[in-house]
Amino acid sequence: MRGNRRAIDPVAEYSHDEGCSITGGYVYRGAALPRISGAYVYGDFCSGRVWGLFPAAGGAFTPRLLAESGLRIASFAEDHEGELYGVDYAGGLHRFASAPTSSR
């Protein structure tokens, strides 16, 4: 690196056992999914997994698997209300939503 700039270690990483190509996302700021509010949401192109990176004590971050989408996640998008969408390599646009709860 040039000048006084220094490399900064990543705050999260995963092995090739979990995926092959990280797809960066957004910090969730919407209202529909309060349990992930403030988490950085990202995914993996090969596995279709979606994680949330949650702030933890001392400036650390904790990754949590949110979904096994089955998609080849090419990108993420955010609407004007802060809701997130996953963009599938095949051309689909998928809105993040809570999993249905059991009626038992």
Foldseek 3Di string as FASTA:
>chain_A
DDDPDDDDDDLDDDDCVQADAKEFAAQACADQDVVRHRWGWIAHQGQQWIWTWDQDPPRHTDIDTDDRHVFRFDYKDADPRRWIWTAGPVGDIGTDHDDDDDPD
